[in-house]
């Protein structure tokens, strides 16, 4: 509905009512709802704040590096302050990266800040997904938030990895040679995809400029995914842990303005300080020590970044099985690199649907779960973590064999056995631990909480005093303590409130 007025800048000017403006501008309504939303007071929310904060650091430091970085692969002769490389033919990309490190004021600090922030960004996204998995935050109606989180992790890994490849140093060239082999292993379309990325046969003449464009585009995609996730959170709200509030009408958590915003600003400041200290104290990616990329050289002891090492480990452990399809030969590294890698993210994104299908649970859930209360899911999560952890260790088989003076073949076979045995043991142990914790919870419900106080009985025996639990109301919610000032136990995730001690 609109109202017509004759005042203002001219007659017949049409202005919209507030309700109409909200209906016509869903984005503004979503932003307004997000500003008035309530965020739970729980440590798991910090992972999202760390991810957003590290992305802001990445954008600011990346814009500074863009002022001095030249992604060209044209050859030049290095004539900078680093004496060991003077007179060596290098690419403009490597030369500009060295200039940033040695000649630009604060350039090395910003480079290392950018690198550490990228690792923290991926780690925060991964930790957020882990918490959402074990607490059941991915269930309806928040499946879309889970899918966006998986997409953020996938795009974040690609963005970080393309950034590592841009300096065109020897370690970057080694990784590019691996990518070249992965692309060429794809039947029929492998050669076309290789030329689309490299521009020619390896090492190519256009790979760094194209990776530079892809790096910038992926950063924009991450920003768009963050915006989508914010809109979804504003629409569905944050899930709560059971027992967070005393009654149904209580507001659990803190509103975005001003409390949550102030806490986020303080956390962002602390996070930037920690990243700055790490950038100043811990060296990372010393490209001058590796030298320029050279197809005839391989950096000794080189491994993939930690967020990409599991792919390298899967390639190393996969058996040397070649499959011939007519005139095409599918090499063994095709399956762990070009099939296992995308399937891992697809399975992660589809897990909420698969669990809902197997458990026949189609209801909406606004309360989170404790891992012990869902032993099957918790054990499955530990199994997957153990499996990918074994693959991560397998990425450094040569380093492990050299460091501990072991046989390389023995290390390989130990890794192949471990990827089957360790996850199975992890599943069995985790399942039994969850059942044991459930039994302990039932004992607390039956007998109360142990106080550590021992009382002597009239006949001379001794018994420990237990703190009884107050009852629940007709809706299954914990009632208030029986008297003012009664302590509330932290066990049981605050599901119950404490009553007066036993006589």
Protein backbone atom coordinates (compact mmCIF):
# COMPACT_ATOMS: atom_id res chain seq x y z
CA UNK A 1 0.00 0.00 0.00
CA UNK A 2 1.29 3.47 -0.87
CA UNK A 3 0.26 7.00 0.04
CA UNK A 4 0.27 10.02 -2.30
CA UNK A 5 1.34 13.39 -0.94
CA UNK A 6 1.58 16.85 -2.46
CA UNK A 7 4.43 18.11 -0.32
CA UNK A 8 8.15 17.58 -0.54
CA UNK A 9 9.95 17.97 -3.82
CA UNK A 10 6.87 18.03 -6.03
CA UNK A 11 3.18 17.27 -6.34
CA UNK A 12 2.03 13.72 -6.78
CA UNK A 13 5.17 12.27 -5.17
CA UNK A 14 4.58 8.69 -4.05
CA UNK A 15 6.01 7.41 -0.79
CA UNK A 16 5.74 3.91 0.58
CA UNK A 17 4.56 2.94 3.99
CA UNK A 18 7.07 1.19 6.28
CA UNK A 19 5.34 -2.16 5.92
CA UNK A 20 5.38 -1.87 2.14
CA UNK A 21 9.08 -0.97 2.15
CA UNK A 22 9.86 -4.10 4.16
CA UNK A 23 7.82 -6.22 1.76
CA UNK A 24 9.49 -4.70 -1.28
CA UNK A 25 12.97 -4.98 0.20
CA UNK A 26 13.47 -8.49 1.60
CA UNK A 27 17.22 -7.90 1.90
CA UNK A 28 16.66 -4.87 4.14
CA UNK A 29 14.17 -6.85 6.22
CA UNK A 30 16.68 -9.68 6.54
CA UNK A 31 19.42 -7.27 7.63
CA UNK A 32 17.08 -5.63 10.15
CA UNK A 33 16.07 -9.03 11.49
CA UNK A 34 19.71 -10.07 11.73
CA UNK A 35 20.59 -6.97 13.75
CA UNK A 36 17.82 -7.76 16.23
CA UNK A 37 18.54 -11.49 16.35
CA UNK A 38 19.69 -13.32 19.46
CA UNK A 39 22.98 -15.23 19.36
CA UNK A 40 23.56 -18.03 21.90
CA UNK A 41 26.20 -17.60 24.60
CA UNK A 42 28.20 -20.65 23.61
CA UNK A 43 31.79 -21.22 22.56
CA UNK A 44 30.73 -22.95 19.32
CA UNK A 45 29.52 -19.61 17.92
CA UNK A 46 33.11 -18.32 18.05
CA UNK A 47 34.15 -20.40 15.05
CA UNK A 48 31.89 -18.41 12.75
CA UNK A 49 33.26 -15.15 14.15
CA UNK A 50 36.84 -16.34 13.64
CA UNK A 51 36.07 -17.36 10.05
CA UNK A 52 34.55 -13.96 9.22
CA UNK A 53 37.31 -12.07 11.03
CA UNK A 54 40.11 -14.00 9.31
CA UNK A 55 38.41 -13.41 5.96
CA UNK A 56 38.44 -9.66 6.65
CA UNK A 57 42.18 -9.90 7.41
CA UNK A 58 42.67 -11.86 4.19
CA UNK A 59 40.86 -9.25 2.12
CA UNK A 60 42.76 -6.29 3.60
CA UNK A 61 46.18 -7.94 3.40
CA UNK A 62 45.41 -9.29 -0.09
CA UNK A 63 44.52 -5.82 -1.36
CA UNK A 64 47.87 -4.56 -0.05
CA UNK A 65 49.76 -7.39 -1.78
CA UNK A 66 47.88 -6.78 -5.03
CA UNK A 67 49.49 -3.35 -5.26
CA UNK A 68 52.93 -4.93 -5.76
CA UNK A 69 52.35 -8.40 -7.19
CA UNK A 70 52.82 -9.03 -10.92
CA UNK A 71 51.27 -12.35 -12.04
CA UNK A 72 53.14 -12.43 -15.37
CA UNK A 73 55.25 -15.47 -16.28
CA UNK A 74 57.50 -13.49 -18.61
CA UNK A 75 61.18 -14.11 -17.89
CA UNK A 76 63.40 -11.52 -16.28
CA UNK A 77 66.76 -11.49 -14.51
CA UNK A 78 66.68 -11.03 -10.78
CA UNK A 79 68.66 -8.03 -9.56
CA UNK A 80 67.35 -7.55 -6.05
CA UNK A 81 68.92 -7.49 -2.59
CA UNK A 82 69.00 -11.29 -2.16
CA UNK A 83 72.51 -12.11 -3.33
CA UNK A 84 72.06 -15.88 -3.81
CA UNK A 85 69.60 -15.30 -6.67
CA UNK A 86 71.24 -12.38 -8.46
CA UNK A 87 71.65 -13.01 -12.17
CA UNK A 88 69.19 -15.94 -12.16
CA UNK A 89 66.39 -15.97 -14.71
CA UNK A 90 63.04 -15.86 -12.94
CA UNK A 91 59.46 -15.01 -13.80
CA UNK A 92 57.93 -11.62 -13.05
CA UNK A 93 55.63 -13.32 -10.53
CA UNK A 94 58.57 -14.72 -8.56
CA UNK A 95 60.51 -11.48 -8.89
CA UNK A 96 57.61 -9.41 -7.56
CA UNK A 97 57.08 -11.87 -4.68
CA UNK A 98 60.76 -11.44 -3.73
CA UNK A 99 60.39 -7.68 -4.00
CA UNK A 100 57.41 -7.79 -1.64
CA UNK A 101 59.44 -9.84 0.82
CA UNK A 102 62.67 -7.76 0.78
CA UNK A 103 61.98 -4.33 -0.70
CA UNK A 104 58.41 -3.31 0.15
CA UNK A 105 58.01 -1.80 3.61
CA UNK A 106 56.20 -4.38 5.73
CA UNK A 107 55.81 -6.66 2.72
CA UNK A 108 57.16 -9.84 4.33
CA UNK A 109 55.03 -9.21 7.42
CA UNK A 110 51.87 -8.81 5.30
CA UNK A 111 52.74 -11.91 3.24
CA UNK A 112 53.06 -14.03 6.36
CA UNK A 113 49.98 -12.44 7.90
CA UNK A 114 48.04 -13.35 4.75
CA UNK A 115 49.33 -16.92 4.88
CA UNK A 116 48.53 -17.48 8.56
CA UNK A 117 45.09 -15.90 8.16
CA UNK A 118 44.35 -18.31 5.29
CA UNK A 119 45.20 -21.31 7.48
CA UNK A 120 43.09 -19.94 10.33
CA UNK A 121 40.20 -19.29 7.93
CA UNK A 122 40.12 -22.88 6.69
CA UNK A 123 40.59 -24.25 10.22
CA UNK A 124 37.68 -22.15 11.55
CA UNK A 125 35.36 -23.31 8.77
CA UNK A 126 36.32 -26.94 9.37
CA UNK A 127 35.88 -26.61 13.15
CA UNK A 128 32.47 -25.01 12.66
CA UNK A 129 31.32 -27.93 10.51
CA UNK A 130 32.66 -30.42 13.05
CA UNK A 131 30.69 -28.77 15.87
CA UNK A 132 27.55 -28.60 13.72
CA UNK A 133 27.92 -32.29 12.86
CA UNK A 134 28.36 -33.61 16.40
CA UNK A 135 25.65 -31.33 17.85
CA UNK A 136 23.07 -32.00 15.12
CA UNK A 137 22.85 -28.37 14.00
CA UNK A 138 22.57 -29.50 10.37
CA UNK A 139 19.07 -30.96 10.77
CA UNK A 140 15.95 -29.35 9.42
CA UNK A 141 15.30 -26.47 8.99
CA UNK A 142 19.03 -25.62 8.77
CA UNK A 143 20.12 -27.97 6.01
CA UNK A 144 20.75 -25.04 3.69
CA UNK A 145 23.11 -23.47 6.25
CA UNK A 146 25.06 -26.72 6.38
CA UNK A 147 25.32 -26.87 2.58
CA UNK A 148 26.54 -23.28 2.45
CA UNK A 149 29.13 -24.14 5.12
CA UNK A 150 30.39 -27.07 3.04
CA UNK A 151 30.60 -24.84 -0.03
CA UNK A 152 32.51 -22.27 2.01
CA UNK A 153 35.01 -24.93 3.08
CA UNK A 154 35.45 -26.21 -0.49
CA UNK A 155 35.87 -22.75 -2.00
CA UNK A 156 38.10 -21.71 0.91
CA UNK A 157 40.44 -24.66 0.33
CA UNK A 158 40.64 -23.86 -3.39
CA UNK A 159 41.27 -20.19 -2.68
CA UNK A 160 44.03 -20.90 -0.17
CA UNK A 161 45.67 -23.46 -2.45
CA UNK A 162 45.63 -21.17 -5.49
CA UNK A 163 47.21 -18.45 -3.34
CA UNK A 164 50.06 -20.80 -2.40
CA UNK A 165 50.73 -21.44 -6.12
CA UNK A 166 50.98 -17.78 -7.15
CA UNK A 167 54.63 -16.97 -6.14
CA UNK A 168 55.93 -19.40 -8.82
CA UNK A 169 58.67 -20.73 -6.56
CA UNK A 170 60.05 -24.29 -6.64
CA UNK A 171 57.50 -25.58 -4.12
CA UNK A 172 54.72 -23.98 -6.17
CA UNK A 173 56.12 -25.60 -9.33
CA UNK A 174 56.13 -29.01 -7.64
CA UNK A 175 52.46 -28.62 -6.73
CA UNK A 176 51.64 -27.46 -10.25
CA UNK A 177 53.33 -30.56 -11.66
CA UNK A 178 51.06 -32.69 -9.46
CA UNK A 179 48.00 -30.77 -10.65
CA UNK A 180 49.12 -31.27 -14.24
CA UNK A 181 49.29 -35.03 -13.69
CA UNK A 182 45.89 -35.07 -12.01
CA UNK A 183 44.26 -33.24 -14.92
CA UNK A 184 45.94 -35.41 -17.56
CA UNK A 185 44.66 -38.54 -15.79
CA UNK A 186 41.04 -37.64 -16.64
CA UNK A 187 39.88 -39.75 -19.61
CA UNK A 188 38.89 -37.95 -22.83
CA UNK A 189 38.70 -34.41 -21.35
CA UNK A 190 42.00 -34.39 -19.44
CA UNK A 191 44.14 -32.86 -22.18
CA UNK A 192 41.58 -30.12 -22.88
CA UNK A 193 41.34 -29.22 -19.19
CA UNK A 194 45.13 -29.16 -18.92
CA UNK A 195 45.47 -26.73 -21.81
CA UNK A 196 42.64 -24.61 -20.47
CA UNK A 197 44.59 -24.09 -17.22
CA UNK A 198 48.21 -24.10 -18.36
CA UNK A 199 47.83 -22.66 -21.85
CA UNK A 200 50.28 -25.21 -23.26
CA UNK A 201 52.23 -28.24 -22.15
CA UNK A 202 53.67 -28.16 -18.66
CA UNK A 203 54.96 -25.82 -17.25
CA UNK A 204 52.82 -23.58 -19.46
CA UNK A 205 52.93 -19.85 -20.03
CA UNK A 206 49.53 -18.73 -18.68
CA UNK A 207 49.00 -20.80 -15.54
CA UNK A 208 50.00 -18.12 -12.99
CA UNK A 209 47.87 -15.32 -14.54
CA UNK A 210 44.88 -17.65 -14.76
CA UNK A 211 45.35 -18.87 -11.20
CA UNK A 212 45.58 -15.23 -10.12
CA UNK A 213 42.22 -14.44 -11.71
CA UNK A 214 40.72 -17.60 -10.20
CA UNK A 215 42.07 -16.61 -6.78
CA UNK A 216 40.34 -13.22 -6.94
CA UNK A 217 37.08 -14.67 -8.26
CA UNK A 218 37.02 -17.32 -5.53
CA UNK A 219 37.51 -14.61 -2.88
CA UNK A 220 34.43 -12.81 -4.23
CA UNK A 221 32.50 -16.10 -4.13
CA UNK A 222 33.45 -16.53 -0.46
CA UNK A 223 32.09 -13.08 0.33
CA UNK A 224 28.83 -13.93 -1.45
CA UNK A 225 28.52 -17.23 0.45
CA UNK A 226 29.04 -15.42 3.75
CA UNK A 227 26.21 -13.06 2.81
CA UNK A 228 23.93 -15.99 1.96
CA UNK A 229 24.75 -17.71 5.24
CA UNK A 230 23.96 -14.51 7.17
CA UNK A 231 20.57 -14.28 5.48
CA UNK A 232 19.84 -17.94 6.28
CA UNK A 233 20.83 -17.44 9.92
CA UNK A 234 18.53 -14.42 10.09
CA UNK A 235 15.71 -16.49 8.67
CA UNK A 236 16.08 -19.67 10.74
CA UNK A 237 17.88 -18.36 13.82
CA UNK A 238 20.51 -20.13 15.88
CA UNK A 239 19.76 -23.50 17.50
CA UNK A 240 19.94 -23.72 21.27
CA UNK A 241 21.26 -26.31 23.67
CA UNK A 242 18.61 -27.96 25.88
CA UNK A 243 18.18 -26.39 29.27
CA UNK A 244 19.68 -23.04 28.22
CA UNK A 245 16.70 -21.12 29.61
CA UNK A 246 14.48 -21.36 32.68
CA UNK A 247 11.16 -20.91 30.93
CA UNK A 248 9.70 -20.81 27.46
CA UNK A 249 9.55 -17.01 27.26
CA UNK A 250 13.15 -16.37 28.33
CA UNK A 251 15.53 -14.82 25.77
CA UNK A 252 18.55 -17.12 25.59
CA UNK A 253 21.76 -15.45 24.45
CA UNK A 254 22.69 -11.89 23.58
CA UNK A 255 21.30 -9.62 20.88
CA UNK A 256 23.48 -8.67 17.94
CA UNK A 257 23.30 -4.98 18.87
CA UNK A 258 24.95 -3.90 21.04
CA UNK A 259 26.18 -6.88 23.08
CA UNK A 260 27.17 -9.39 20.39
CA UNK A 261 28.69 -6.72 18.16
CA UNK A 262 30.88 -5.45 21.01
CA UNK A 263 32.04 -8.97 21.84
CA UNK A 264 32.77 -9.67 18.16
CA UNK A 265 34.80 -6.46 17.87
CA UNK A 266 36.85 -7.39 20.93
CA UNK A 267 37.42 -10.89 19.60
CA UNK A 268 38.41 -9.56 16.17
CA UNK A 269 40.96 -7.24 17.78
CA UNK A 270 42.44 -10.09 19.80
CA UNK A 271 42.52 -12.38 16.75
CA UNK A 272 44.33 -9.75 14.65
CA UNK A 273 46.86 -9.34 17.45
CA UNK A 274 47.54 -13.08 17.59
CA UNK A 275 47.86 -13.31 13.80
CA UNK A 276 50.22 -10.32 13.79
CA UNK A 277 52.37 -11.95 16.48
CA UNK A 278 52.48 -15.19 14.48
CA UNK A 279 53.36 -13.32 11.28
CA UNK A 280 56.20 -11.53 13.05
CA UNK A 281 57.59 -14.52 14.95
CA UNK A 282 56.97 -17.61 12.79
CA UNK A 283 58.34 -17.80 9.26
CA UNK A 284 56.18 -19.45 6.63
CA UNK A 285 56.74 -20.13 2.92
CA UNK A 286 60.32 -18.76 2.50
CA UNK A 287 60.24 -18.65 -1.30
CA UNK A 288 63.80 -17.28 -1.53
CA UNK A 289 65.09 -20.53 0.02
CA UNK A 290 63.26 -22.70 -2.53
CA UNK A 291 64.30 -20.78 -5.62
CA UNK A 292 62.30 -20.25 -8.80
CA UNK A 293 60.12 -22.97 -10.30
CA UNK A 294 62.02 -25.39 -12.54
CA UNK A 295 60.43 -28.49 -14.13
CA UNK A 296 63.75 -30.35 -13.82
CA UNK A 297 63.95 -29.79 -10.04
CA UNK A 298 61.83 -31.00 -7.15
CA UNK A 299 61.96 -29.51 -3.67
CA UNK A 300 63.15 -32.21 -1.25
CA UNK A 301 60.72 -33.17 1.51
CA UNK A 302 57.93 -31.11 -0.01
CA UNK A 303 54.37 -31.78 1.10
CA UNK A 304 51.02 -30.22 0.33
CA UNK A 305 49.44 -27.64 2.67
CA UNK A 306 47.74 -29.18 5.69
CA UNK A 307 44.25 -28.60 4.27
CA UNK A 308 45.20 -30.44 1.04
CA UNK A 309 47.52 -33.10 2.43
CA UNK A 310 44.83 -35.78 2.66
CA UNK A 311 44.52 -35.80 -1.14
CA UNK A 312 48.26 -36.30 -1.49
CA UNK A 313 48.11 -39.08 1.10
CA UNK A 314 45.28 -40.83 -0.76
CA UNK A 315 47.31 -40.67 -3.99
CA UNK A 316 50.32 -42.20 -2.27
CA UNK A 317 48.41 -45.07 -0.65
CA UNK A 318 46.27 -45.97 -3.65
CA UNK A 319 47.44 -49.19 -5.34
CA UNK A 320 49.06 -48.95 -8.78
CA UNK A 321 46.01 -50.22 -10.66
CA UNK A 322 45.72 -49.10 -14.29
CA UNK A 323 42.44 -49.47 -16.14
CA UNK A 324 42.33 -49.55 -19.95
CA UNK A 325 39.17 -48.27 -21.63
CA UNK A 326 39.71 -48.87 -25.35
CA UNK A 327 42.38 -46.43 -26.46
CA UNK A 328 42.47 -44.67 -23.09
CA UNK A 329 44.42 -45.67 -20.01
CA UNK A 330 43.16 -44.48 -16.64
CA UNK A 331 46.21 -44.08 -14.37
CA UNK A 332 45.92 -45.07 -10.70
CA UNK A 333 46.13 -41.52 -9.34
CA UNK A 334 42.92 -40.55 -11.15
CA UNK A 335 40.67 -42.21 -8.55
CA UNK A 336 42.03 -40.62 -5.34
CA UNK A 337 42.54 -37.16 -6.89
CA UNK A 338 39.78 -36.55 -9.42
CA UNK A 339 37.10 -38.85 -7.95
CA UNK A 340 37.74 -39.14 -4.20
CA UNK A 341 38.33 -35.38 -3.74
CA UNK A 342 34.97 -34.12 -5.10
CA UNK A 343 33.04 -37.09 -3.70
CA UNK A 344 34.27 -36.24 -0.19
CA UNK A 345 32.67 -32.79 -0.33
CA UNK A 346 29.54 -34.09 -2.05
CA UNK A 347 29.04 -36.73 0.65
CA UNK A 348 29.60 -34.10 3.32
CA UNK A 349 26.98 -31.81 1.79
CA UNK A 350 24.44 -34.63 1.39
CA UNK A 351 24.88 -36.08 4.87
CA UNK A 352 21.84 -34.30 6.41
CA UNK A 353 19.60 -35.79 3.72
CA UNK A 354 21.12 -39.24 4.13
CA UNK A 355 20.71 -39.23 7.92
CA UNK A 356 17.13 -38.01 7.63
CA UNK A 357 16.40 -40.79 5.15
CA UNK A 358 17.92 -43.56 7.28
CA UNK A 359 16.50 -42.35 10.60
CA UNK A 360 13.14 -41.29 9.06
CA UNK A 361 13.39 -38.01 10.93
CA UNK A 362 11.66 -35.23 9.00
CA UNK A 363 10.75 -32.97 11.93
CA UNK A 364 12.16 -29.50 12.55
CA UNK A 365 14.75 -29.32 15.31
CA UNK A 366 15.68 -26.14 17.16
CA UNK A 367 17.52 -27.85 20.03
CA UNK A 368 21.02 -29.24 19.72
CA UNK A 369 22.13 -32.67 20.88
CA UNK A 370 24.99 -33.86 23.01
CA UNK A 371 27.33 -36.24 21.14
CA UNK A 372 26.84 -38.96 23.77
CA UNK A 373 23.09 -38.97 23.12
CA UNK A 374 23.62 -39.90 19.44
CA UNK A 375 26.30 -42.60 19.64
CA UNK A 376 25.92 -43.81 16.05
CA UNK A 377 26.48 -40.36 14.53
CA UNK A 378 29.26 -39.52 16.98
CA UNK A 379 31.08 -42.78 16.25
CA UNK A 380 30.69 -42.22 12.51
CA UNK A 381 32.19 -38.75 12.85
CA UNK A 382 35.18 -40.07 14.78
CA UNK A 383 35.59 -42.83 12.17
CA UNK A 384 35.72 -40.28 9.36
CA UNK A 385 38.14 -38.08 11.31
CA UNK A 386 40.44 -41.05 11.94
CA UNK A 387 40.29 -42.06 8.26
CA UNK A 388 41.25 -38.62 6.96
CA UNK A 389 43.83 -38.28 9.72
CA UNK A 390 45.56 -41.42 8.44
CA UNK A 391 45.52 -39.96 4.92
CA UNK A 392 47.01 -36.74 6.28
CA UNK A 393 49.90 -38.65 7.84
CA UNK A 394 50.37 -40.63 4.63
CA UNK A 395 51.15 -37.38 2.81
CA UNK A 396 54.49 -37.33 4.66
CA UNK A 397 55.52 -40.97 4.22
CA UNK A 398 58.92 -40.03 2.78
CA UNK A 399 59.59 -37.55 5.59
CA UNK A 400 58.56 -40.11 8.22
CA UNK A 401 60.73 -42.82 6.68
CA UNK A 402 63.74 -40.48 6.49
CA UNK A 403 63.31 -39.01 9.96
CA UNK A 404 62.81 -42.31 11.82
CA UNK A 405 65.12 -44.39 9.57
CA UNK A 406 62.33 -46.69 8.41
CA UNK A 407 61.75 -48.57 5.21
CA UNK A 408 59.62 -46.59 2.76
CA UNK A 409 57.72 -49.73 1.72
CA UNK A 410 57.01 -50.56 5.37
CA UNK A 411 55.64 -47.06 5.95
CA UNK A 412 53.43 -47.33 2.86
CA UNK A 413 51.97 -50.68 3.90
CA UNK A 414 51.50 -49.50 7.46
CA UNK A 415 49.48 -46.57 6.09
CA UNK A 416 47.39 -48.85 3.88
CA UNK A 417 46.54 -51.08 6.83
CA UNK A 418 45.93 -48.11 9.14
CA UNK A 419 43.25 -46.52 6.92
CA UNK A 420 41.10 -49.61 7.53
CA UNK A 421 42.04 -50.66 11.06
CA UNK A 422 42.30 -47.30 12.87
CA UNK A 423 38.84 -45.98 11.79
CA UNK A 424 37.17 -49.27 12.77
CA UNK A 425 38.80 -49.19 16.21
CA UNK A 426 37.90 -45.52 16.62
CA UNK A 427 34.26 -46.28 15.84
CA UNK A 428 34.06 -49.16 18.33
CA UNK A 429 35.78 -47.27 21.15
CA UNK A 430 33.72 -44.12 20.62
CA UNK A 431 30.47 -46.06 20.60
CA UNK A 432 31.31 -47.78 23.88
CA UNK A 433 32.37 -44.48 25.45
CA UNK A 434 29.06 -42.87 24.47
CA UNK A 435 27.10 -45.76 25.99
CA UNK A 436 29.15 -45.51 29.18
CA UNK A 437 28.46 -41.80 29.46
CA UNK A 438 24.75 -42.45 28.99
CA UNK A 439 24.84 -45.00 31.81
CA UNK A 440 26.60 -42.44 34.02
CA UNK A 441 23.90 -39.89 33.22
CA UNK A 442 21.16 -42.36 34.14
CA UNK A 443 22.93 -43.04 37.42
CA UNK A 444 22.96 -39.33 38.17
CA UNK A 445 19.26 -39.09 37.40
CA UNK A 446 18.51 -42.00 39.73
CA UNK A 447 20.79 -41.21 42.66
CA UNK A 448 21.69 -37.52 42.26
CA UNK A 449 25.03 -35.79 41.91
CA UNK A 450 27.99 -36.92 43.99
CA UNK A 451 28.95 -34.25 46.51
CA UNK A 452 32.15 -35.79 47.89
CA UNK A 453 30.72 -35.68 51.41
CA UNK A 454 30.73 -38.91 53.41
CA UNK A 455 28.20 -39.50 56.21
CA UNK A 456 28.31 -42.15 58.89
CA UNK A 457 25.16 -44.21 59.31
CA UNK A 458 23.69 -45.15 62.73
CA UNK A 459 24.81 -48.77 62.42
CA UNK A 460 28.41 -47.72 61.73
CA UNK A 461 28.51 -47.81 57.90
CA UNK A 462 29.50 -44.94 55.64
CA UNK A 463 27.68 -43.58 52.59
CA UNK A 464 28.38 -40.71 50.22
CA UNK A 465 25.86 -37.87 50.21
CA UNK A 466 24.22 -37.28 46.82
CA UNK A 467 22.65 -34.02 45.72
CA UNK A 468 19.14 -34.86 44.44
CA UNK A 469 17.76 -33.41 41.24
CA UNK A 470 14.62 -31.36 40.99
CA UNK A 471 11.81 -32.70 38.85
CA UNK A 472 10.53 -31.69 35.44
CA UNK A 473 7.25 -30.06 34.52
CA UNK A 474 4.59 -31.61 32.31
CA UNK A 475 6.37 -30.42 29.16
CA UNK A 476 9.69 -32.04 30.04
CA UNK A 477 11.41 -28.77 30.98
CA UNK A 478 13.48 -28.51 34.17
CA UNK A 479 11.76 -26.60 36.95
CA UNK A 480 13.35 -23.87 39.03
CA UNK A 481 15.41 -24.78 42.10
CA UNK A 482 13.36 -25.57 45.19
CA UNK A 483 14.82 -22.59 47.06
CA UNK A 484 16.53 -19.34 46.20
CA UNK A 485 20.27 -19.63 45.86
CA UNK A 486 20.35 -23.38 45.29
CA UNK A 487 23.36 -24.35 43.16
CA UNK A 488 22.78 -25.44 39.57
CA UNK A 489 25.10 -28.30 38.54
CA UNK A 490 27.09 -27.85 35.33
CA UNK A 491 26.92 -31.52 34.52
CA UNK A 492 24.20 -32.91 32.28
CA UNK A 493 24.60 -29.76 30.16
CA UNK A 494 22.30 -27.90 32.57
CA UNK A 495 19.39 -30.16 31.74
CA UNK A 496 18.32 -30.26 35.37
CA UNK A 497 18.37 -27.83 38.24
CA UNK A 498 19.64 -28.75 41.66
CA UNK A 499 17.36 -29.13 44.65
CA UNK A 500 18.19 -28.88 48.36
CA UNK A 501 20.79 -31.33 49.66
CA UNK A 502 19.66 -34.58 51.22
CA UNK A 503 19.41 -34.87 54.96
